[in-house]
């Protein structure tokens, strides 16, 4: 979690530990962690640290990430069977990172220009529209490497558009 040194808070105004007085109405990156979740993560972290005293950190990481992928696919009903096309889960540090990764991955598929259509871009994370267009949405990536914000991650040009899925009043019209 990227927190300001002076305030201890991330760019959404939340810290890495429980803040019971906060009202959490945002997404996972714009919310504070609950005391119960913080305790569960702490116990899990302690277990992993003990395991890494005798095991390979890389192997433990690969196993744990593999289990998360497996559980996610199982919960979504996408279990691997021989009569299904191969499905995999891609994990990232944020939903906006997933948009950037998908854009970069799809841009490499062939010579066609990739056009991304994002519904209600104003109701997503602040960097989703930039990431969906295949451009870096922050000046630093999760590996701590510096990137020029707005610079493309692939050589080919991509466009991004978003369309309102509902009127300004905030309700969806009835479909009959």
Foldseek 3Di string as FASTA:
>chain_A
DDADPVQQADPLGEHAADDPVDDADDDPNNGYDHNVVVVVVVVVVVVLVVVVVPDPPVVVVVVVVVVVFQVVCVVVVNHDDPVDDDDTDDDDPDPLVVLLVVQVVVPPPDPDAAEAEDEPPVPDPPQNQLSNQQFACDQAGPVRDGDDGSHHPDDDGYYYDYDYQDDPVPDHDDDD
